[in-house]
Each structure stands twice: as structure tokens, then as C-alpha cells.
Amino acid sequence: MAKSKTKTVTKKLTSRSSSKQLDSVFIFKMALFLILGSQWLYIVNPTGDAQLPLPVGAVIGVVFATHEHFKIDRKIEYVILLLAMFIGFWLPMGITIVR
């Protein structure tokens, strides 16, 4: 019985150590959420007097963030998406559709 207990303990330790995330993966994800959050879809009238901005990139980013494995990083990803969404609204980023 002693052998089976040590095997289960070593299996638990190896599964915990494999769940760590590299710094480069974290930086890549933050850059991805920054780019996604800043993408807007602007629907403009032909006269140009009215427009409808839609935060399409932020919606896609929230979908990606909800499927995140690490729950602590999810809060940071939401903050990055929100900041990028406000920056992308004021800067000319995204796609403009004239109907």
C-alpha cells in the first residue's frame, strides 16, 4: 500500500507544476486583448451625420477571456479589454461601413 500512496502523491505534484504559465504567453495574451479591445465597427450614414459604434473586438475578447484557464488572469484581461475599448473608441481604429 505504501507504493500506491507515493505514486499518487508524485502524480499530483507533476500535474500542479505543469499548470504554470510562461511569461511570454502572458505577454502575448495581453497584447492580443489590447488589439482585440481596440477594434470597433462604425456604421455611418451616407451623409455622415450619424454613426453607430459597436465594440466588436471587445465582445470577441470577452468570449476569449471567459474560456481562460487561470481565473486570476481573467480579471486582468477584463481590465485590459476595457481600457483598450475606451482608447479604441477615441482613436480612428476599426472598420467603418457606410450604408
PDB file of N, CA and C in Angstrom:
ATOM      1  N   MET A   1       0.800  -1.194   0.000  1.00  0.00           N
ATOM      2  CA  MET A   1       0.000   0.000   0.000  1.00  0.00           C
ATOM      3  C   MET A   1       0.845   1.262   0.000  1.00  0.00           C
ATOM      4  N   ALA A   2       1.989   1.208   0.552  1.00  0.00           N
ATOM      5  CA  ALA A   2       2.839   2.397   0.618  1.00  0.00           C
ATOM      6  C   ALA A   2       3.266   2.838  -0.771  1.00  0.00           C
ATOM      7  N   LYS A   3       3.454   1.894  -1.671  1.00  0.00           N
ATOM      8  CA  LYS A   3       3.865   2.254  -3.023  1.00  0.00           C
ATOM      9  C   LYS A   3       2.747   2.987  -3.765  1.00  0.00           C
ATOM     10  N   SER A   4       1.527   2.592  -3.593  1.00  0.00           N
ATOM     11  CA  SER A   4       0.438   3.251  -4.303  1.00  0.00           C
ATOM     12  C   SER A   4       0.229   4.682  -3.805  1.00  0.00           C
ATOM     13  N   LYS A   5       0.464   4.934  -2.522  1.00  0.00           N
ATOM     14  CA  LYS A   5       0.316   6.290  -1.997  1.00  0.00           C
ATOM     15  C   LYS A   5       1.399   7.214  -2.546  1.00  0.00           C
ATOM     16  N   THR A   6       2.606   6.729  -2.653  1.00  0.00           N
ATOM     17  CA  THR A   6       3.675   7.586  -3.173  1.00  0.00           C
ATOM     18  C   THR A   6       3.472   7.871  -4.653  1.00  0.00           C
ATOM     19  N   LYS A   7       2.908   6.944  -5.379  1.00  0.00           N
ATOM     20  CA  LYS A   7       2.640   7.180  -6.789  1.00  0.00           C
ATOM     21  C   LYS A   7       1.583   8.255  -6.975  1.00  0.00           C
ATOM     22  N   THR A   8       0.559   8.243  -6.161  1.00  0.00           N
ATOM     23  CA  THR A   8      -0.477   9.260  -6.303  1.00  0.00           C
ATOM     24  C   THR A   8       0.037  10.637  -5.891  1.00  0.00           C
ATOM     25  N   VAL A   9       0.914  10.688  -4.917  1.00  0.00           N
ATOM     26  CA  VAL A   9       1.471  11.970  -4.498  1.00  0.00           C
ATOM     27  C   VAL A   9       2.345  12.547  -5.596  1.00  0.00           C
ATOM     28  N   THR A  10       3.170  11.744  -6.234  1.00  0.00           N
ATOM     29  CA  THR A  10       4.030  12.247  -7.305  1.00  0.00           C
ATOM     30  C   THR A  10       3.204  12.654  -8.519  1.00  0.00           C
ATOM     31  N   LYS A  11       2.103  11.967  -8.793  1.00  0.00           N
ATOM     32  CA  LYS A  11       1.246  12.352  -9.907  1.00  0.00           C
ATOM     33  C   LYS A  11       0.592  13.704  -9.644  1.00  0.00           C
ATOM     34  N   LYS A  12       0.183  13.959  -8.408  1.00  0.00           N
ATOM     35  CA  LYS A  12      -0.421  15.242  -8.071  1.00  0.00           C
ATOM     36  C   LYS A  12       0.590  16.371  -8.186  1.00  0.00           C
ATOM     37  N   LEU A  13       1.822  16.129  -7.778  1.00  0.00           N
ATOM     38  CA  LEU A  13       2.834  17.174  -7.848  1.00  0.00           C
ATOM     39  C   LEU A  13       3.194  17.513  -9.286  1.00  0.00           C
ATOM     40  N   THR A  14       3.269  16.524 -10.141  1.00  0.00           N
ATOM     41  CA  THR A  14       3.608  16.809 -11.536  1.00  0.00           C
ATOM     42  C   THR A  14       2.462  17.509 -12.248  1.00  0.00           C
ATOM     43  N   SER A  15       1.222  17.215 -11.898  1.00  0.00           N
ATOM     44  CA  SER A  15       0.113  17.892 -12.552  1.00  0.00           C
ATOM     45  C   SER A  15       0.027  19.348 -12.110  1.00  0.00           C
ATOM     46  N   ARG A  16       0.392  19.667 -10.892  1.00  0.00           N
ATOM     47  CA  ARG A  16       0.387  21.053 -10.432  1.00  0.00           C
ATOM     48  C   ARG A  16       1.499  21.860 -11.078  1.00  0.00           C
ATOM     49  N   SER A  17       2.668  21.286 -11.222  1.00  0.00           N
ATOM     50  CA  SER A  17       3.781  22.040 -11.798  1.00  0.00           C
ATOM     51  C   SER A  17       3.608  22.265 -13.293  1.00  0.00           C
ATOM     52  N   SER A  18       2.830  21.448 -13.965  1.00  0.00           N
ATOM     53  CA  SER A  18       2.628  21.631 -15.398  1.00  0.00           C
ATOM     54  C   SER A  18       1.602  22.717 -15.704  1.00  0.00           C
ATOM     55  N   SER A  19       0.862  23.202 -14.696  1.00  0.00           N
ATOM     56  CA  SER A  19      -0.166  24.216 -14.928  1.00  0.00           C
ATOM     57  C   SER A  19       0.381  25.637 -14.878  1.00  0.00           C
ATOM     58  N   LYS A  20       1.671  25.824 -14.728  1.00  0.00           N
ATOM     59  CA  LYS A  20       2.255  27.165 -14.704  1.00  0.00           C
ATOM     60  C   LYS A  20       2.291  27.739 -16.112  1.00  0.00           C
ATOM     61  N   GLN A  21       2.187  29.060 -16.181  1.00  0.00           N
ATOM     62  CA  GLN A  21       2.156  29.743 -17.464  1.00  0.00           C
ATOM     63  C   GLN A  21       3.454  30.520 -17.662  1.00  0.00           C
ATOM     64  N   LEU A  22       3.981  30.474 -18.851  1.00  0.00           N
ATOM     65  CA  LEU A  22       5.196  31.216 -19.169  1.00  0.00           C
ATOM     66  C   LEU A  22       4.899  32.704 -19.271  1.00  0.00           C
ATOM     67  N   ASP A  23       5.914  33.526 -19.004  1.00  0.00           N
ATOM     68  CA  ASP A  23       5.749  34.971 -19.101  1.00  0.00           C
ATOM     69  C   ASP A  23       5.484  35.408 -20.533  1.00  0.00           C
ATOM     70  N   SER A  24       6.106  34.756 -21.479  1.00  0.00           N
ATOM     71  CA  SER A  24       5.903  35.126 -22.875  1.00  0.00           C
ATOM     72  C   SER A  24       4.466  34.850 -23.325  1.00  0.00           C
ATOM     73  N   VAL A  25       3.863  33.798 -22.815  1.00  0.00           N
ATOM     74  CA  VAL A  25       2.467  33.503 -23.143  1.00  0.00           C
ATOM     75  C   VAL A  25       1.556  34.574 -22.549  1.00  0.00           C
ATOM     76  N   PHE A  26       1.847  34.999 -21.327  1.00  0.00           N
ATOM     77  CA  PHE A  26       1.057  36.037 -20.684  1.00  0.00           C
ATOM     78  C   PHE A  26       1.157  37.357 -21.441  1.00  0.00           C
ATOM     79  N   ILE A  27       2.350  37.743 -21.854  1.00  0.00           N
ATOM     80  CA  ILE A  27       2.533  38.985 -22.606  1.00  0.00           C
ATOM     81  C   ILE A  27       1.839  38.900 -23.964  1.00  0.00           C
ATOM     82  N   PHE A  28       1.903  37.750 -24.602  1.00  0.00           N
ATOM     83  CA  PHE A  28       1.210  37.557 -25.883  1.00  0.00           C
ATOM     84  C   PHE A  28      -0.302  37.717 -25.709  1.00  0.00           C
ATOM     85  N   LYS A  29      -0.847  37.135 -24.648  1.00  0.00           N
ATOM     86  CA  LYS A  29      -2.281  37.249 -24.413  1.00  0.00           C
ATOM     87  C   LYS A  29      -2.679  38.687 -24.115  1.00  0.00           C
ATOM     88  N   MET A  30      -1.867  39.414 -23.367  1.00  0.00           N
ATOM     89  CA  MET A  30      -2.191  40.813 -23.071  1.00  0.00           C
ATOM     90  C   MET A  30      -2.153  41.664 -24.341  1.00  0.00           C
ATOM     91  N   ALA A  31      -1.187  41.403 -25.221  1.00  0.00           N
ATOM     92  CA  ALA A  31      -1.131  42.124 -26.499  1.00  0.00           C
ATOM     93  C   ALA A  31      -2.343  41.770 -27.361  1.00  0.00           C
ATOM     94  N   LEU A  32      -2.749  40.514 -27.342  1.00  0.00           N
ATOM     95  CA  LEU A  32      -3.922  40.086 -28.100  1.00  0.00           C
ATOM     96  C   LEU A  32      -5.171  40.788 -27.591  1.00  0.00           C
ATOM     97  N   PHE A  33      -5.348  40.860 -26.282  1.00  0.00           N
ATOM     98  CA  PHE A  33      -6.522  41.524 -25.726  1.00  0.00           C
ATOM     99  C   PHE A  33      -6.481  43.031 -25.940  1.00  0.00           C
ATOM    100  N   LEU A  34      -5.303  43.619 -25.982  1.00  0.00           N
ATOM    101  CA  LEU A  34      -5.177  45.049 -26.271  1.00  0.00           C
ATOM    102  C   LEU A  34      -5.603  45.347 -27.706  1.00  0.00           C
ATOM    103  N   ILE A  35      -5.185  44.513 -28.636  1.00  0.00           N
ATOM    104  CA  ILE A  35      -5.557  44.708 -30.040  1.00  0.00           C
ATOM    105  C   ILE A  35      -7.041  44.408 -30.252  1.00  0.00           C
ATOM    106  N   LEU A  36      -7.528  43.338 -29.653  1.00  0.00           N
ATOM    107  CA  LEU A  36      -8.943  42.990 -29.815  1.00  0.00           C
ATOM    108  C   LEU A  36      -9.854  44.052 -29.219  1.00  0.00           C
ATOM    109  N   GLY A  37      -9.520  44.543 -28.040  1.00  0.00           N
ATOM    110  CA  GLY A  37     -10.377  45.519 -27.379  1.00  0.00           C
ATOM    111  C   GLY A  37     -10.468  46.833 -28.105  1.00  0.00           C
ATOM    112  N   SER A  38      -9.477  47.172 -28.884  1.00  0.00           N
ATOM    113  CA  SER A  38      -9.482  48.461 -29.575  1.00  0.00           C
ATOM    114  C   SER A  38     -10.207  48.426 -30.918  1.00  0.00           C
ATOM    115  N   GLN A  39     -10.717  47.287 -31.333  1.00  0.00           N
ATOM    116  CA  GLN A  39     -11.381  47.177 -32.630  1.00  0.00           C
ATOM    117  C   GLN A  39     -12.870  47.507 -32.506  1.00  0.00           C
ATOM    118  N   TRP A  40     -13.304  48.474 -33.272  1.00  0.00           N
ATOM    119  CA  TRP A  40     -14.689  48.914 -33.290  1.00  0.00           C
ATOM    120  C   TRP A  40     -15.242  48.793 -34.704  1.00  0.00           C
ATOM    121  N   LEU A  41     -16.536  48.632 -34.804  1.00  0.00           N
ATOM    122  CA  LEU A  41     -17.237  48.639 -36.088  1.00  0.00           C
ATOM    123  C   LEU A  41     -18.134  49.867 -36.097  1.00  0.00           C
ATOM    124  N   TYR A  42     -17.859  50.796 -37.005  1.00  0.00           N
ATOM    125  CA  TYR A  42     -18.635  52.024 -37.122  1.00  0.00           C
ATOM    126  C   TYR A  42     -19.555  51.906 -38.326  1.00  0.00           C
ATOM    127  N   ILE A  43     -20.854  52.053 -38.094  1.00  0.00           N
ATOM    128  CA  ILE A  43     -21.828  52.072 -39.184  1.00  0.00           C
ATOM    129  C   ILE A  43     -22.260  53.524 -39.340  1.00  0.00           C
ATOM    130  N   VAL A  44     -21.992  54.101 -40.527  1.00  0.00           N
ATOM    131  CA  VAL A  44     -22.193  55.526 -40.766  1.00  0.00           C
ATOM    132  C   VAL A  44     -23.217  55.710 -41.880  1.00  0.00           C
ATOM    133  N   ASN A  45     -24.074  56.726 -41.740  1.00  0.00           N
ATOM    134  CA  ASN A  45     -24.992  57.110 -42.820  1.00  0.00           C
ATOM    135  C   ASN A  45     -24.198  57.677 -43.985  1.00  0.00           C
ATOM    136  N   PRO A  46     -24.747  57.626 -45.193  1.00  0.00           N
ATOM    137  CA  PRO A  46     -24.029  58.204 -46.349  1.00  0.00           C
ATOM    138  C   PRO A  46     -23.775  59.703 -46.203  1.00  0.00           C
ATOM    139  N   THR A  47     -24.639  60.398 -45.484  1.00  0.00           N
ATOM    140  CA  THR A  47     -24.421  61.825 -45.283  1.00  0.00           C
ATOM    141  C   THR A  47     -23.352  62.084 -44.234  1.00  0.00           C
ATOM    142  N   GLY A  48     -23.083  61.125 -43.382  1.00  0.00           N
ATOM    143  CA  GLY A  48     -22.040  61.257 -42.374  1.00  0.00           C
ATOM    144  C   GLY A  48     -22.489  61.954 -41.107  1.00  0.00           C
ATOM    145  N   ASP A  49     -23.800  62.217 -40.988  1.00  0.00           N
ATOM    146  CA  ASP A  49     -24.267  62.932 -39.810  1.00  0.00           C
ATOM    147  C   ASP A  49     -24.529  62.021 -38.613  1.00  0.00           C
ATOM    148  N   ALA A  50     -24.729  60.737 -38.810  1.00  0.00           N
ATOM    149  CA  ALA A  50     -24.989  59.816 -37.699  1.00  0.00           C
ATOM    150  C   ALA A  50     -24.151  58.561 -37.872  1.00  0.00           C
ATOM    151  N   GLN A  51     -23.695  58.048 -36.747  1.00  0.00           N
ATOM    152  CA  GLN A  51     -22.930  56.800 -36.797  1.00  0.00           C
ATOM    153  C   GLN A  51     -23.300  55.935 -35.599  1.00  0.00           C
ATOM    154  N   LEU A  52     -23.124  54.642 -35.771  1.00  0.00           N
ATOM    155  CA  LEU A  52     -23.416  53.675 -34.720  1.00  0.00           C
ATOM    156  C   LEU A  52     -22.139  52.891 -34.435  1.00  0.00           C
ATOM    157  N   PRO A  53     -21.449  53.179 -33.324  1.00  0.00           N
ATOM    158  CA  PRO A  53     -20.238  52.419 -32.998  1.00  0.00           C
ATOM    159  C   PRO A  53     -20.579  51.144 -32.231  1.00  0.00           C
ATOM    160  N   LEU A  54     -19.986  50.034 -32.634  1.00  0.00           N
ATOM    161  CA  LEU A  54     -20.192  48.743 -31.977  1.00  0.00           C
ATOM    162  C   LEU A  54     -18.837  48.175 -31.561  1.00  0.00           C
ATOM    163  N   PRO A  55     -18.666  47.818 -30.286  1.00  0.00           N
ATOM    164  CA  PRO A  55     -17.375  47.278 -29.827  1.00  0.00           C
ATOM    165  C   PRO A  55     -17.238  45.783 -30.131  1.00  0.00           C
ATOM    166  N   VAL A  56     -17.044  45.449 -31.367  1.00  0.00           N
ATOM    167  CA  VAL A  56     -16.988  44.053 -31.799  1.00  0.00           C
ATOM    168  C   VAL A  56     -15.767  43.336 -31.218  1.00  0.00           C
ATOM    169  N   GLY A  57     -14.627  43.997 -31.209  1.00  0.00           N
ATOM    170  CA  GLY A  57     -13.410  43.380 -30.685  1.00  0.00           C
ATOM    171  C   GLY A  57     -13.497  43.092 -29.197  1.00  0.00           C
ATOM    172  N   ALA A  58     -14.158  43.974 -28.450  1.00  0.00           N
ATOM    173  CA  ALA A  58     -14.311  43.751 -27.013  1.00  0.00           C
ATOM    174  C   ALA A  58     -15.213  42.557 -26.740  1.00  0.00           C
ATOM    175  N   VAL A  59     -16.234  42.379 -27.550  1.00  0.00           N
ATOM    176  CA  VAL A  59     -17.124  41.226 -27.381  1.00  0.00           C
ATOM    177  C   VAL A  59     -16.363  39.929 -27.654  1.00  0.00           C
ATOM    178  N   ILE A  60     -15.566  39.917 -28.703  1.00  0.00           N
ATOM    179  CA  ILE A  60     -14.760  38.730 -29.013  1.00  0.00           C
ATOM    180  C   ILE A  60     -13.730  38.481 -27.906  1.00  0.00           C
ATOM    181  N   GLY A  61     -13.137  39.547 -27.379  1.00  0.00           N
ATOM    182  CA  GLY A  61     -12.174  39.414 -26.297  1.00  0.00           C
ATOM    183  C   GLY A  61     -12.795  38.872 -25.024  1.00  0.00           C
ATOM    184  N   VAL A  62     -14.022  39.269 -24.716  1.00  0.00           N
ATOM    185  CA  VAL A  62     -14.704  38.748 -23.526  1.00  0.00           C
ATOM    186  C   VAL A  62     -15.000  37.265 -23.694  1.00  0.00           C
ATOM    187  N   VAL A  63     -15.347  36.872 -24.901  1.00  0.00           N
ATOM    188  CA  VAL A  63     -15.579  35.438 -25.156  1.00  0.00           C
ATOM    189  C   VAL A  63     -14.293  34.649 -24.927  1.00  0.00           C
ATOM    190  N   PHE A  64     -13.155  35.173 -25.412  1.00  0.00           N
ATOM    191  CA  PHE A  64     -11.879  34.501 -25.181  1.00  0.00           C
ATOM    192  C   PHE A  64     -11.519  34.486 -23.701  1.00  0.00           C
ATOM    193  N   ALA A  65     -11.786  35.575 -22.997  1.00  0.00           N
ATOM    194  CA  ALA A  65     -11.415  35.676 -21.585  1.00  0.00           C
ATOM    195  C   ALA A  65     -12.253  34.762 -20.702  1.00  0.00           C
ATOM    196  N   THR A  66     -13.494  34.500 -21.079  1.00  0.00           N
ATOM    197  CA  THR A  66     -14.323  33.615 -20.263  1.00  0.00           C
ATOM    198  C   THR A  66     -13.864  32.167 -20.342  1.00  0.00           C
ATOM    199  N   HIS A  67     -13.157  31.816 -21.380  1.00  0.00           N
ATOM    200  CA  HIS A  67     -12.639  30.463 -21.515  1.00  0.00           C
ATOM    201  C   HIS A  67     -11.206  30.333 -20.990  1.00  0.00           C
ATOM    202  N   GLU A  68     -10.782  31.296 -20.197  1.00  0.00           N
ATOM    203  CA  GLU A  68      -9.419  31.308 -19.659  1.00  0.00           C
ATOM    204  C   GLU A  68      -9.281  30.265 -18.554  1.00  0.00           C
ATOM    205  N   HIS A  69      -8.146  29.603 -18.540  1.00  0.00           N
ATOM    206  CA  HIS A  69      -7.878  28.558 -17.552  1.00  0.00           C
ATOM    207  C   HIS A  69      -7.551  29.135 -16.182  1.00  0.00           C
ATOM    208  N   PHE A  70      -6.762  30.201 -16.152  1.00  0.00           N
ATOM    209  CA  PHE A  70      -6.349  30.822 -14.895  1.00  0.00           C
ATOM    210  C   PHE A  70      -7.328  31.928 -14.542  1.00  0.00           C
ATOM    211  N   LYS A  71      -8.012  31.805 -13.403  1.00  0.00           N
ATOM    212  CA  LYS A  71      -9.052  32.765 -13.042  1.00  0.00           C
ATOM    213  C   LYS A  71      -8.480  34.095 -12.575  1.00  0.00           C
ATOM    214  N   ILE A  72      -7.266  34.121 -12.086  1.00  0.00           N
ATOM    215  CA  ILE A  72      -6.660  35.371 -11.646  1.00  0.00           C
ATOM    216  C   ILE A  72      -6.360  36.259 -12.854  1.00  0.00           C
ATOM    217  N   ASP A  73      -5.913  35.667 -13.930  1.00  0.00           N
ATOM    218  CA  ASP A  73      -5.593  36.428 -15.134  1.00  0.00           C
ATOM    219  C   ASP A  73      -6.842  36.983 -15.803  1.00  0.00           C
ATOM    220  N   ARG A  74      -7.982  36.373 -15.557  1.00  0.00           N
ATOM    221  CA  ARG A  74      -9.222  36.808 -16.195  1.00  0.00           C
ATOM    222  C   ARG A  74      -9.571  38.240 -15.807  1.00  0.00           C
ATOM    223  N   LYS A  75      -9.351  38.600 -14.558  1.00  0.00           N
ATOM    224  CA  LYS A  75      -9.641  39.966 -14.113  1.00  0.00           C
ATOM    225  C   LYS A  75      -8.727  40.972 -14.813  1.00  0.00           C
ATOM    226  N   ILE A  76      -7.482  40.604 -14.967  1.00  0.00           N
ATOM    227  CA  ILE A  76      -6.535  41.484 -15.660  1.00  0.00           C
ATOM    228  C   ILE A  76      -6.927  41.623 -17.122  1.00  0.00           C
ATOM    229  N   GLU A  77      -7.382  40.547 -17.728  1.00  0.00           N
ATOM    230  CA  GLU A  77      -7.784  40.591 -19.125  1.00  0.00           C
ATOM    231  C   GLU A  77      -9.002  41.477 -19.321  1.00  0.00           C
ATOM    232  N   TYR A  78      -9.946  41.460 -18.377  1.00  0.00           N
ATOM    233  CA  TYR A  78     -11.102  42.339 -18.460  1.00  0.00           C
ATOM    234  C   TYR A  78     -10.688  43.805 -18.376  1.00  0.00           C
ATOM    235  N   VAL A  79      -9.731  44.116 -17.519  1.00  0.00           N
ATOM    236  CA  VAL A  79      -9.260  45.497 -17.386  1.00  0.00           C
ATOM    237  C   VAL A  79      -8.563  45.955 -18.670  1.00  0.00           C
ATOM    238  N   ILE A  80      -7.721  45.095 -19.237  1.00  0.00           N
ATOM    239  CA  ILE A  80      -7.036  45.438 -20.485  1.00  0.00           C
ATOM    240  C   ILE A  80      -8.053  45.649 -21.611  1.00  0.00           C
ATOM    241  N   LEU A  81      -9.068  44.790 -21.687  1.00  0.00           N
ATOM    242  CA  LEU A  81     -10.100  44.956 -22.705  1.00  0.00           C
ATOM    243  C   LEU A  81     -10.864  46.265 -22.529  1.00  0.00           C
ATOM    244  N   LEU A  82     -11.185  46.615 -21.300  1.00  0.00           N
ATOM    245  CA  LEU A  82     -11.939  47.840 -21.047  1.00  0.00           C
ATOM    246  C   LEU A  82     -11.127  49.085 -21.396  1.00  0.00           C
ATOM    247  N   LEU A  83      -9.873  49.105 -20.994  1.00  0.00           N
ATOM    248  CA  LEU A  83      -9.014  50.248 -21.329  1.00  0.00           C
ATOM    249  C   LEU A  83      -8.799  50.361 -22.833  1.00  0.00           C
ATOM    250  N   ALA A  84      -8.560  49.243 -23.488  1.00  0.00           N
ATOM    251  CA  ALA A  84      -8.361  49.263 -24.939  1.00  0.00           C
ATOM    252  C   ALA A  84      -9.635  49.668 -25.663  1.00  0.00           C
ATOM    253  N   MET A  85     -10.784  49.317 -25.102  1.00  0.00           N
ATOM    254  CA  MET A  85     -12.050  49.691 -25.715  1.00  0.00           C
ATOM    255  C   MET A  85     -12.233  51.210 -25.678  1.00  0.00           C
ATOM    256  N   PHE A  86     -11.917  51.842 -24.564  1.00  0.00           N
ATOM    257  CA  PHE A  86     -12.039  53.296 -24.478  1.00  0.00           C
ATOM    258  C   PHE A  86     -11.007  54.003 -25.356  1.00  0.00           C
ATOM    259  N   ILE A  87      -9.805  53.497 -25.404  1.00  0.00           N
ATOM    260  CA  ILE A  87      -8.783  54.099 -26.262  1.00  0.00           C
ATOM    261  C   ILE A  87      -9.157  53.933 -27.737  1.00  0.00           C
ATOM    262  N   GLY A  88      -9.626  52.751 -28.093  1.00  0.00           N
ATOM    263  CA  GLY A  88     -10.006  52.490 -29.482  1.00  0.00           C
ATOM    264  C   GLY A  88     -11.224  53.275 -29.931  1.00  0.00           C
ATOM    265  N   PHE A  89     -12.074  53.685 -28.986  1.00  0.00           N
ATOM    266  CA  PHE A  89     -13.238  54.484 -29.354  1.00  0.00           C
ATOM    267  C   PHE A  89     -12.829  55.877 -29.808  1.00  0.00           C
ATOM    268  N   TRP A  90     -11.840  56.462 -29.142  1.00  0.00           N
ATOM    269  CA  TRP A  90     -11.427  57.827 -29.462  1.00  0.00           C
ATOM    270  C   TRP A  90     -10.409  57.894 -30.587  1.00  0.00           C
ATOM    271  N   LEU A  91      -9.640  56.857 -30.779  1.00  0.00           N
ATOM    272  CA  LEU A  91      -8.680  56.826 -31.879  1.00  0.00           C
ATOM    273  C   LEU A  91      -9.351  56.234 -33.120  1.00  0.00           C
ATOM    274  N   PRO A  92      -8.878  56.587 -34.305  1.00  0.00           N
ATOM    275  CA  PRO A  92      -9.512  56.044 -35.519  1.00  0.00           C
ATOM    276  C   PRO A  92      -9.086  54.604 -35.780  1.00  0.00           C
ATOM    277  N   MET A  93      -9.593  53.688 -34.974  1.00  0.00           N
ATOM    278  CA  MET A  93      -9.279  52.264 -35.134  1.00  0.00           C
ATOM    279  C   MET A  93     -10.563  51.504 -35.446  1.00  0.00           C
ATOM    280  N   GLY A  94     -10.437  50.479 -36.231  1.00  0.00           N
ATOM    281  CA  GLY A  94     -11.593  49.646 -36.521  1.00  0.00           C
ATOM    282  C   GLY A  94     -12.012  49.742 -37.968  1.00  0.00           C
ATOM    283  N   ILE A  95     -13.240  49.313 -38.221  1.00  0.00           N
ATOM    284  CA  ILE A  95     -13.784  49.249 -39.569  1.00  0.00           C
ATOM    285  C   ILE A  95     -14.981  50.204 -39.667  1.00  0.00           C
ATOM    286  N   THR A  96     -15.028  50.976 -40.732  1.00  0.00           N
ATOM    287  CA  THR A  96     -16.149  51.889 -40.962  1.00  0.00           C
ATOM    288  C   THR A  96     -16.963  51.396 -42.152  1.00  0.00           C
ATOM    289  N   ILE A  97     -18.251  51.241 -41.944  1.00  0.00           N
ATOM    290  CA  ILE A  97     -19.169  50.804 -43.003  1.00  0.00           C
ATOM    291  C   ILE A  97     -20.134  51.944 -43.279  1.00  0.00           C
ATOM    292  N   VAL A  98     -20.202  52.383 -44.536  1.00  0.00           N
ATOM    293  CA  VAL A  98     -21.134  53.429 -44.938  1.00  0.00           C
ATOM    294  C   VAL A  98     -22.305  52.746 -45.615  1.00  0.00           C
ATOM    295  N   ARG A  99     -23.494  52.981 -45.085  1.00  0.00           N
ATOM    296  CA  ARG A  99     -24.684  52.317 -45.679  1.00  0.00           C
ATOM    297  C   ARG A  99     -25.580  53.302 -46.331  1.00  0.00           C
TER     298      ARG A  99
END
